[in-house]
Amino acid sequence: MQHGEPYSDRSLQQVVKQAAARASIRRPVTLHMLRHSYATHLLEADIDIRLI
């Protein structure tokens, strides 16, 4: 990968899997799950759904 190029889907998924392993998370973790978790936290913080 060259400096300034976007990450590939595969490389991002690997980063997430490695972070989950380091955190001793045994359940499957995906980028999609993180996206929804973040959106849920924003909703709980009373952020307007139209902004999310």
Protein backbone atom coordinates (compact mmCIF):
# COMPACT_ATOMS: atom_id res chain seq x y z
CA MET A 1 0.00 0.00 0.00
CA GLN A 2 1.25 3.47 -0.87
CA HIS A 3 1.02 6.44 1.46
CA GLY A 4 -2.34 8.18 1.05
CA GLU A 5 -4.12 5.21 -0.53
CA PRO A 6 -7.36 3.99 1.06
CA TYR A 7 -7.34 0.78 3.07
CA SER A 8 -8.85 -2.27 1.41
CA ASP A 9 -11.88 -3.97 2.98
CA ARG A 10 -9.74 -7.00 3.71
CA SER A 11 -6.99 -5.07 5.48
CA LEU A 12 -9.51 -3.22 7.67
CA GLN A 13 -11.16 -6.49 8.63
CA GLN A 14 -7.76 -7.91 9.58
CA VAL A 15 -7.07 -4.88 11.79
CA VAL A 16 -10.42 -5.38 13.56
CA LYS A 17 -9.81 -9.10 14.05
CA GLN A 18 -6.32 -8.48 15.44
CA ALA A 19 -7.62 -5.81 17.83
CA ALA A 20 -10.38 -8.15 19.03
CA ALA A 21 -7.82 -10.90 19.62
CA ARG A 22 -5.57 -8.53 21.62
CA ALA A 23 -8.60 -7.52 23.69
CA SER A 24 -9.44 -11.21 24.31
CA ILE A 25 -12.81 -10.85 22.59
CA ARG A 26 -13.80 -14.36 21.59
CA ARG A 27 -17.01 -13.53 19.72
CA PRO A 28 -16.82 -12.69 16.02
CA VAL A 29 -16.31 -8.96 15.42
CA THR A 30 -16.90 -7.29 12.07
CA LEU A 31 -16.69 -3.75 10.75
CA HIS A 32 -20.45 -3.84 10.25
CA MET A 33 -20.96 -4.61 13.94
CA LEU A 34 -18.73 -1.70 14.91
CA ARG A 35 -20.66 0.62 12.60
CA HIS A 36 -23.95 -0.32 14.23
CA SER A 37 -22.51 -0.09 17.74
CA TYR A 38 -21.25 3.41 17.04
CA ALA A 39 -24.63 4.44 15.63
CA THR A 40 -26.35 3.05 18.72
CA HIS A 41 -24.08 5.06 21.01
CA LEU A 42 -24.80 8.21 19.00
CA LEU A 43 -28.54 7.60 19.31
CA GLU A 44 -28.20 7.05 23.05
CA ALA A 45 -26.36 10.39 23.22
CA ASP A 46 -29.44 12.05 21.66
CA ILE A 47 -27.78 12.76 18.31
CA ASP A 48 -30.38 13.45 15.60
CA ILE A 49 -30.99 10.29 13.56
CA ARG A 50 -30.79 12.37 10.37
CA LEU A 51 -27.17 13.17 11.21
CA ILE A 52 -26.30 9.56 11.93
